Amino acid sequence: MPSVQVLEQKKQVVADLVERLNGSCAGVIVDYKGINVEDDTKLRKELREAGVSYTVVKNTLLKRAIAETELNGLDAVLEGTTALATSADDYVAAARILCKFADTHKNFEVKNGFIDKEVIDVAKITGLAKLPSREILLANVLGAFQAPISAFARAIQAIVDKDGEGEAAPAEAPAEA
């Protein structure tokens, strides 16, 4: 029988997981077996730089935390080794980084995930992973806004250039007559 102190620590871990799950816009659960320390360190660094929290969790503790959230069905994949990656403000960072890592490491596997309190399957996570980063999306939107303005500016410039040439032509015509 575990001591009271150990039980309190586990309750705190579950409470922290509940808070983390509820405060995240997106999350991914992975099976991390078969990766070495060097690869794990690189993965954690990349996730940290993207603002993603990544931790190895015990399945029983994560099941208890999921039971206290709206993420019904997420606990079905909690077998074997489990790590949880969550992001508070970026919907695609965790999926993009973990799917890219899974493509290069045969034993590393994406199990399941969630977006805005809705459980999603691996196919949707893979689709998310293919989306460009937030910065690229913002640049595309900005380019779309600038395109009509640039076209308008070029049209005005062409009219101004044409009018400049048109004024010089009538001055030469009377001289020929």
Protein backbone atom coordinates (compact mmCIF):
# COMPACT_ATOMS: atom_id res chain seq x y z
CA MET A 1 0.00 0.00 0.00
CA PRO A 2 1.50 3.35 -1.03
CA SER A 3 2.17 5.92 1.63
CA VAL A 4 0.03 8.99 2.11
CA GLN A 5 2.85 11.15 0.77
CA VAL A 6 3.08 9.14 -2.48
CA LEU A 7 -0.70 9.29 -2.94
CA GLU A 8 -0.64 13.07 -2.46
CA GLN A 9 2.12 13.40 -5.05
CA LYS A 10 0.14 11.33 -7.53
CA LYS A 11 -2.99 13.40 -6.89
CA GLN A 12 -0.96 16.53 -7.58
CA VAL A 13 0.38 15.04 -10.84
CA VAL A 14 -3.19 14.23 -11.94
CA ALA A 15 -4.37 17.74 -11.00
CA ASP A 16 -1.48 19.25 -13.00
CA LEU A 17 -2.34 17.05 -15.99
CA VAL A 18 -6.01 18.09 -15.82
CA GLU A 19 -4.99 21.75 -15.75
CA ARG A 20 -2.59 21.22 -18.64
CA LEU A 21 -5.16 19.36 -20.76
CA ASN A 22 -7.86 21.97 -20.10
CA GLY A 23 -5.46 24.83 -20.85
CA SER A 24 -4.27 23.41 -24.17
CA CYS A 25 -5.72 24.11 -27.59
CA ALA A 26 -4.10 20.97 -29.03
CA GLY A 27 -2.28 17.88 -27.88
CA VAL A 28 -0.73 14.70 -29.23
CA ILE A 29 -0.14 11.36 -27.49
CA VAL A 30 2.80 9.29 -28.74
CA ASP A 31 4.44 5.94 -28.12
CA TYR A 32 8.08 6.91 -27.66
CA LYS A 33 9.70 3.48 -27.39
CA GLY A 34 12.89 2.76 -29.29
CA ILE A 35 14.45 6.22 -29.37
CA ASN A 36 17.87 6.94 -27.96
CA VAL A 37 18.82 9.73 -25.59
CA GLU A 38 20.41 11.88 -28.31
CA ASP A 39 17.28 11.78 -30.51
CA ASP A 40 15.02 12.36 -27.51
CA THR A 41 17.07 15.40 -26.50
CA LYS A 42 16.84 16.87 -30.01
CA LEU A 43 13.10 16.22 -30.10
CA ARG A 44 12.52 17.85 -26.72
CA LYS A 45 14.59 20.87 -27.73
CA GLU A 46 12.61 21.34 -30.95
CA LEU A 47 9.31 21.01 -29.10
CA ARG A 48 10.41 23.41 -26.38
CA GLU A 49 11.47 26.02 -28.97
CA ALA A 50 8.02 25.73 -30.57
CA GLY A 51 6.29 26.32 -27.22
CA VAL A 52 5.10 22.72 -26.83
CA SER A 53 5.13 20.97 -23.44
CA TYR A 54 6.30 17.36 -23.78
CA THR A 55 6.42 14.88 -20.92
CA VAL A 56 6.45 11.15 -20.39
CA VAL A 57 3.40 10.18 -18.34
CA LYS A 58 2.14 7.06 -16.66
CA ASN A 59 -0.93 5.66 -18.37
CA THR A 60 -2.89 5.26 -15.13
CA LEU A 61 -2.29 8.88 -14.11
CA LEU A 62 -3.18 10.19 -17.57
CA LYS A 63 -6.38 8.06 -17.56
CA ARG A 64 -7.41 9.63 -14.26
CA ALA A 65 -6.70 13.11 -15.62
CA ILE A 66 -8.63 12.45 -18.85
CA ALA A 67 -11.62 11.26 -16.79
CA GLU A 68 -11.79 14.75 -15.28
CA THR A 69 -11.82 16.51 -18.67
CA GLU A 70 -14.05 16.58 -21.77
CA LEU A 71 -11.63 14.37 -23.72
CA ASN A 72 -13.72 11.20 -23.73
CA GLY A 73 -12.18 8.42 -25.81
CA LEU A 74 -8.61 9.63 -25.53
CA ASP A 75 -7.79 7.00 -22.93
CA ALA A 76 -8.40 4.13 -25.39
CA VAL A 77 -4.81 4.38 -26.69
CA LEU A 78 -3.09 4.47 -23.32
CA GLU A 79 -1.01 1.31 -23.52
CA GLY A 80 2.74 0.83 -23.60
CA THR A 81 5.02 3.82 -23.34
CA THR A 82 3.21 7.15 -23.45
CA ALA A 83 4.30 10.75 -23.82
CA LEU A 84 2.03 13.78 -24.01
CA ALA A 85 2.74 16.91 -26.04
CA THR A 86 0.46 19.92 -25.54
CA SER A 87 0.39 23.48 -26.77
CA ALA A 88 -1.55 26.35 -25.28
CA ASP A 89 -1.67 28.50 -28.43
CA ASP A 90 -0.34 26.67 -31.51
CA TYR A 91 -2.65 24.10 -33.06
CA VAL A 92 -0.14 22.46 -35.41
CA ALA A 93 3.32 22.68 -33.80
CA ALA A 94 3.13 19.45 -31.80
CA ALA A 95 1.58 17.48 -34.67
CA ARG A 96 4.09 18.81 -37.22
CA ILE A 97 7.17 18.10 -35.10
CA LEU A 98 6.06 14.69 -33.79
CA CYS A 99 4.84 13.40 -37.18
CA LYS A 100 8.12 14.48 -38.79
CA PHE A 101 10.02 12.68 -36.03
CA ALA A 102 7.84 9.56 -36.39
CA ASP A 103 8.59 9.45 -40.13
CA THR A 104 12.31 9.11 -39.42
CA HIS A 105 12.10 6.77 -36.41
CA LYS A 106 10.38 3.45 -37.02
CA ASN A 107 9.46 2.65 -33.39
CA PHE A 108 8.20 6.14 -32.51
CA GLU A 109 4.45 6.26 -33.16
CA VAL A 110 1.73 8.89 -32.93
CA LYS A 111 -1.24 7.35 -31.09
CA ASN A 112 -3.96 9.98 -30.86
CA GLY A 113 -4.61 13.62 -30.09
CA PHE A 114 -7.09 16.41 -29.53
CA ILE A 115 -7.97 19.89 -30.75
CA ASP A 116 -10.20 22.24 -28.78
CA LYS A 117 -11.41 19.48 -26.44
CA GLU A 118 -12.29 17.17 -29.39
CA VAL A 119 -10.46 13.86 -29.75
CA ILE A 120 -8.97 13.33 -33.21
CA ASP A 121 -7.42 10.28 -34.84
CA VAL A 122 -3.99 9.80 -36.37
CA ALA A 123 -5.21 10.69 -39.88
CA LYS A 124 -6.33 14.15 -38.71
CA ILE A 125 -3.09 14.64 -36.80
CA THR A 126 -1.16 13.80 -39.97
CA GLY A 127 -3.28 16.33 -41.87
CA LEU A 128 -2.50 18.96 -39.25
CA ALA A 129 1.18 18.16 -39.53
CA LYS A 130 1.10 19.03 -43.23
CA LEU A 131 -0.21 22.53 -42.60
CA PRO A 132 2.39 25.29 -42.86
CA SER A 133 3.56 27.08 -39.74
CA ARG A 134 1.71 30.09 -38.34
CA GLU A 135 4.35 32.47 -39.69
CA ILE A 136 4.02 31.10 -43.23
CA LEU A 137 0.22 31.29 -43.07
CA LEU A 138 0.39 34.91 -41.89
CA ALA A 139 2.82 35.75 -44.70
CA ASN A 140 0.44 34.19 -47.23
CA VAL A 141 -2.49 36.20 -45.88
CA LEU A 142 -0.45 39.38 -45.94
CA GLY A 143 0.61 38.65 -49.52
CA ALA A 144 -3.03 38.13 -50.49
CA PHE A 145 -3.94 41.51 -49.00
CA GLN A 146 -1.02 43.25 -50.71
CA ALA A 147 -1.66 41.77 -54.18
CA PRO A 148 -4.69 43.95 -55.09
CA ILE A 149 -3.00 47.06 -53.75
CA SER A 150 0.16 46.33 -55.74
CA ALA A 151 -1.86 45.67 -58.91
CA PHE A 152 -3.73 48.94 -58.42
CA ALA A 153 -0.46 50.83 -57.90
CA ARG A 154 1.01 49.31 -61.10
CA ALA A 155 -2.14 50.24 -63.07
CA ILE A 156 -1.95 53.85 -61.85
CA GLN A 157 1.75 54.00 -62.70
CA ALA A 158 1.03 52.68 -66.20
CA ILE A 159 -1.64 55.35 -66.71
CA VAL A 160 0.71 58.08 -65.48
CA ASP A 161 3.48 56.81 -67.78
CA LYS A 162 1.06 56.64 -70.75
CA ASP A 163 -0.27 60.18 -70.10
CA GLY A 164 3.29 61.48 -69.99
CA GLU A 165 3.96 59.99 -73.44
CA GLY A 166 0.58 61.16 -74.77
CA GLU A 167 1.33 64.85 -74.00
CA ALA A 168 4.59 64.76 -75.94
CA ALA A 169 2.97 63.29 -79.07
CA PRO A 170 0.46 66.13 -79.79
CA ALA A 171 3.25 68.71 -79.57
CA GLU A 172 5.10 67.00 -82.41
CA ALA A 173 2.03 66.54 -84.65
CA PRO A 174 1.38 70.27 -85.35
CA ALA A 175 5.05 70.75 -86.26
CA GLU A 176 4.65 68.26 -89.15
CA ALA A 177 1.66 70.08 -90.63
